[in-house]
Protein backbone atom coordinates (compact mmCIF):
# COMPACT_ATOMS: atom_id res chain seq x y z
CA MET A 1 12.51 4.03 18.01
CA TYR A 2 14.29 6.91 16.29
CA THR A 3 16.26 8.64 19.04
CA PRO A 4 18.87 11.31 18.25
CA GLU A 5 21.73 11.26 20.74
CA ALA A 6 20.60 14.48 22.41
CA PHE A 7 17.30 12.88 23.40
CA GLU A 8 18.57 9.55 24.75
CA MET A 9 17.78 8.66 28.37
CA ALA A 10 20.40 6.50 30.07
CA THR A 11 18.84 3.24 31.26
CA GLY A 12 18.78 2.77 35.01
CA PRO A 13 16.80 4.07 38.01
CA ALA A 14 15.62 7.16 36.12
CA VAL A 15 13.88 5.01 33.50
CA THR A 16 12.44 2.73 36.19
CA ASP A 17 10.97 5.82 37.87
CA VAL A 18 9.48 6.99 34.56
CA LEU A 19 7.88 3.58 33.97
CA ARG A 20 6.44 3.42 37.47
CA SER A 21 5.16 6.97 37.21
CA ALA A 22 3.28 5.98 34.05
CA GLY A 23 2.18 2.50 35.10
CA PHE A 24 0.26 2.02 31.87
CA GLY A 25 1.26 1.02 28.36
CA HIS A 26 0.29 -0.61 25.07
CA LEU A 27 1.38 -4.18 24.32
CA VAL A 28 1.88 -4.69 20.58
CA SER A 29 2.65 -7.99 18.88
CA HIS A 30 2.42 -9.64 15.48
CA SER A 31 -0.02 -12.44 14.75
CA ASP A 32 -0.60 -14.82 11.86
CA ASP A 33 -4.29 -15.60 11.70
CA ALA A 34 -5.87 -18.92 10.73
CA ASP A 35 -6.49 -17.77 7.16
CA GLY A 36 -2.82 -17.17 6.45
CA GLY A 37 -2.99 -13.41 6.83
CA SER A 38 -1.02 -11.36 9.29
CA GLY A 39 -1.43 -8.27 11.37
CA LEU A 40 -0.70 -6.45 14.59
CA LEU A 41 -2.51 -6.89 17.88
CA ALA A 42 -2.49 -4.21 20.57
CA THR A 43 -3.81 -4.13 24.12
CA ALA A 44 -3.69 -1.27 26.62
CA LEU A 45 -2.88 -2.45 30.14
CA PRO A 46 -1.60 -1.38 33.57
CA PHE A 47 1.66 -2.96 34.70
CA VAL A 48 4.27 -3.30 37.42
CA VAL A 49 7.98 -3.48 36.64
CA ASP A 50 11.05 -4.82 38.47
CA ASP A 51 13.79 -2.46 39.66
CA ASP A 52 16.20 -3.55 36.93
CA ILE A 53 13.53 -3.53 34.19
CA SER A 54 14.14 -7.19 33.44
CA ARG A 55 10.55 -8.27 34.02
CA LEU A 56 7.22 -6.54 33.57
CA ARG A 57 3.93 -8.03 34.80
CA ALA A 58 0.37 -7.26 33.69
CA HIS A 59 -2.90 -8.96 32.82
CA VAL A 60 -5.58 -8.98 30.16
CA ALA A 61 -9.16 -10.18 30.12
CA ARG A 62 -9.48 -13.88 29.31
CA ALA A 63 -12.03 -12.84 26.67
CA ASN A 64 -9.30 -10.80 24.92
CA PRO A 65 -7.93 -13.00 22.08
CA HIS A 66 -4.55 -11.25 22.18
CA TRP A 67 -3.12 -13.52 24.86
CA GLY A 68 -3.70 -16.60 22.70
CA HIS A 69 -1.30 -15.28 20.04
CA VAL A 70 1.59 -13.96 22.10
CA ASP A 71 2.91 -16.69 24.44
CA GLY A 72 6.60 -17.27 23.70
CA HIS A 73 6.67 -14.55 21.06
CA HIS A 74 8.39 -11.18 20.84
CA ALA A 75 6.34 -8.13 21.71
CA LEU A 76 6.75 -4.40 22.22
CA LEU A 77 5.35 -2.45 25.15
CA ILE A 78 4.95 1.24 24.33
CA VAL A 79 4.84 3.48 27.41
CA PRO A 80 3.98 7.11 26.61
CA THR A 81 4.43 9.08 29.83
CA VAL A 82 3.81 12.74 29.02
CA ASP A 83 3.80 15.06 26.01
CA ALA A 84 3.10 18.67 25.09
CA TYR A 85 2.86 20.82 21.96
CA VAL A 86 5.63 23.41 21.69
CA SER A 87 4.65 26.68 20.00
CA PRO A 88 7.22 28.80 18.11
CA ARG A 89 5.81 31.82 19.95
CA TRP A 90 7.99 30.77 22.92
CA PHE A 91 11.29 30.64 21.02
CA ALA A 92 13.60 33.61 21.34
CA SER A 93 14.86 32.68 17.87
CA THR A 94 11.41 33.41 16.40
CA ALA A 95 12.01 37.12 16.86
CA GLU A 96 15.66 36.82 15.87
CA HIS A 97 15.37 35.11 12.48
CA GLY A 98 11.95 33.41 12.18
CA ARG A 99 13.39 30.10 10.96
CA VAL A 100 11.35 27.97 13.36
CA VAL A 101 8.53 25.43 13.24
CA PRO A 102 6.22 23.90 15.86
CA THR A 103 7.28 20.69 17.57
CA SER A 104 6.44 18.51 20.56
CA ASN A 105 8.30 17.63 23.74
CA TYR A 106 7.72 14.24 25.35
CA GLU A 107 8.99 11.23 27.26
CA LEU A 108 8.55 7.76 25.79
CA VAL A 109 9.80 4.28 26.69
CA HIS A 110 9.79 1.17 24.48
CA LEU A 111 10.32 -2.24 26.09
CA HIS A 112 11.14 -5.15 23.78
CA GLY A 113 10.95 -8.73 25.02
CA VAL A 114 9.36 -12.16 24.98
CA VAL A 115 5.94 -12.78 26.53
CA GLU A 116 5.08 -15.57 28.94
CA ILE A 117 1.44 -16.32 29.70
CA HIS A 118 0.31 -17.24 33.23
CA HIS A 119 -2.89 -18.98 34.29
CA ASP A 120 -1.80 -19.82 37.84
CA ALA A 121 -4.18 -18.25 40.38
CA GLU A 122 -1.44 -17.49 42.92
CA TRP A 123 0.69 -15.73 40.29
CA LYS A 124 -2.27 -13.63 39.21
CA ARG A 125 -3.23 -12.81 42.79
CA ARG A 126 0.30 -11.55 43.54
CA LEU A 127 0.13 -9.42 40.42
CA VAL A 128 -3.26 -7.93 41.30
CA ASP A 129 -2.08 -7.23 44.86
CA ASP A 130 1.06 -5.48 43.55
CA LEU A 131 -0.86 -3.51 40.92
CA THR A 132 -3.42 -2.39 43.48
CA ARG A 133 -0.83 -1.42 46.08
CA GLU A 134 1.19 0.60 43.57
CA ASN A 135 -1.78 2.41 42.08
CA GLU A 136 -3.51 3.06 45.41
CA SER A 137 -0.32 4.79 46.58
CA ARG A 138 -0.85 7.38 43.82
CA VAL A 139 -4.37 8.31 44.85
CA ASP A 140 -4.47 11.83 46.25
CA ASP A 141 -7.81 12.27 48.00
CA PRO A 142 -7.73 14.00 51.41
CA GLU A 143 -11.35 13.04 52.04
CA SER A 144 -10.64 9.33 51.54
CA ALA A 145 -7.08 8.71 52.64
CA GLU A 146 -7.33 4.99 53.46
CA PRO A 147 -6.05 2.87 50.53
CA TRP A 148 -8.24 0.08 49.18
CA SER A 149 -6.87 -3.45 49.36
CA VAL A 150 -7.83 -6.51 47.34
CA SER A 151 -8.59 -8.27 50.64
CA ASP A 152 -11.34 -5.71 51.26
CA ALA A 153 -13.50 -7.49 48.66
CA PRO A 154 -15.17 -10.88 49.29
CA ALA A 155 -12.74 -13.74 48.62
CA SER A 156 -15.21 -15.57 46.38
CA TYR A 157 -15.61 -12.46 44.24
CA ILE A 158 -11.85 -12.01 43.86
CA ASP A 159 -11.43 -15.68 42.94
CA ALA A 160 -14.02 -15.27 40.18
CA ARG A 161 -12.33 -12.12 38.88
CA LEU A 162 -8.94 -13.85 38.83
CA GLU A 163 -10.41 -16.64 36.73
CA ALA A 164 -11.56 -14.01 34.23
CA ILE A 165 -8.02 -12.69 33.59
CA VAL A 166 -4.79 -14.05 32.11
CA GLY A 167 -1.35 -13.08 33.40
CA ILE A 168 1.14 -11.43 31.06
CA GLU A 169 4.87 -11.42 31.83
CA LEU A 170 7.24 -9.57 29.51
CA HIS A 171 10.84 -10.75 29.82
CA VAL A 172 12.53 -7.53 28.79
CA GLN A 173 15.46 -7.84 26.40
CA ARG A 174 15.90 -4.25 25.27
CA VAL A 175 14.95 -0.84 26.65
CA GLU A 176 14.66 2.31 24.55
CA ALA A 177 13.99 5.53 26.45
CA LYS A 178 13.60 8.94 24.87
CA GLN A 179 13.28 12.31 26.59
CA LYS A 180 12.77 15.18 24.15
CA LEU A 181 12.89 18.42 26.15
CA SER A 182 14.23 20.98 23.66
CA GLN A 183 17.81 19.85 24.27
CA ASN A 184 18.58 20.74 20.64
CA ARG A 185 17.49 24.37 21.10
CA SER A 186 19.44 27.34 22.44
CA GLU A 187 19.35 28.16 26.13
CA GLN A 188 17.07 31.13 25.51
CA ASP A 189 14.67 29.00 23.45
CA ARG A 190 14.58 26.38 26.22
CA LEU A 191 13.84 29.04 28.81
CA GLY A 192 11.01 30.40 26.67
CA VAL A 193 9.48 26.93 26.20
CA THR A 194 9.82 26.11 29.90
CA ASP A 195 8.03 29.31 30.91
CA GLY A 196 5.39 29.05 28.18
CA LEU A 197 4.45 25.47 29.04
CA GLY A 198 4.50 26.34 32.74
CA ARG A 199 1.76 28.94 32.22
CA SER A 200 -0.56 26.37 30.65
CA ARG A 201 -3.62 24.88 32.32
CA ASP A 202 -2.89 21.57 30.61
CA HIS A 203 -1.34 18.97 32.94
CA GLY A 204 0.85 17.53 30.20
CA ALA A 205 2.30 20.93 29.43
CA THR A 206 3.05 21.75 33.05
CA ASP A 207 4.57 18.29 33.60
CA ILE A 208 6.92 18.83 30.66
CA SER A 209 7.79 22.29 32.01
CA ASP A 210 8.65 20.74 35.39
CA ARG A 211 10.89 18.15 33.73
CA MET A 212 12.69 20.88 31.81
CA ARG A 213 13.28 22.82 35.02
CA GLU A 214 14.63 19.67 36.69
CA ARG A 215 17.14 19.19 33.87
CA ARG A 216 18.39 22.75 34.36
CA GLY A 217 18.88 22.01 38.05
């Protein structure tokens, strides 16, 4: 991933928090098909990640052919967390000299590693329990505050659903994290972008504005 120095995020707890906040990514890998051709396979999936970002766990449908091409092979998990269009109307430099163009601000994490496939029912059950627990903790519904648990469903039903999925474990070898929040602009331009995005009704824009305010302290 092309990442100018100004936009690099230091790996560590901050990146772990970003990954857990997203909880969803796109697994991309290369495959040689039976006819001698080649191409890319991609699957969108929810995931859970270890504290040190050494291991990421997920699952795909057994009917998805992707898992049959990726065991033991290198793959890339793309995790886009948030993004927003940045209009030149918010730059102080627009009025000063006009030498500006539109851009985008965003956070993005790439995880590179080797995939291990899991068929074991206990492994998959632990994964589904962890995925459910993590995602239920994000639900904000004052009229239904009690989190749902996998054990709330009939055991026979859960067993059948587990048989219909395949476990995916990415052994992470390299982490690339990028946070583009107008760090390459002047302080006045950054203030204008922060305020402009903060006035938006778009959640992505307001999230980016919040991140920019956090960086300012």
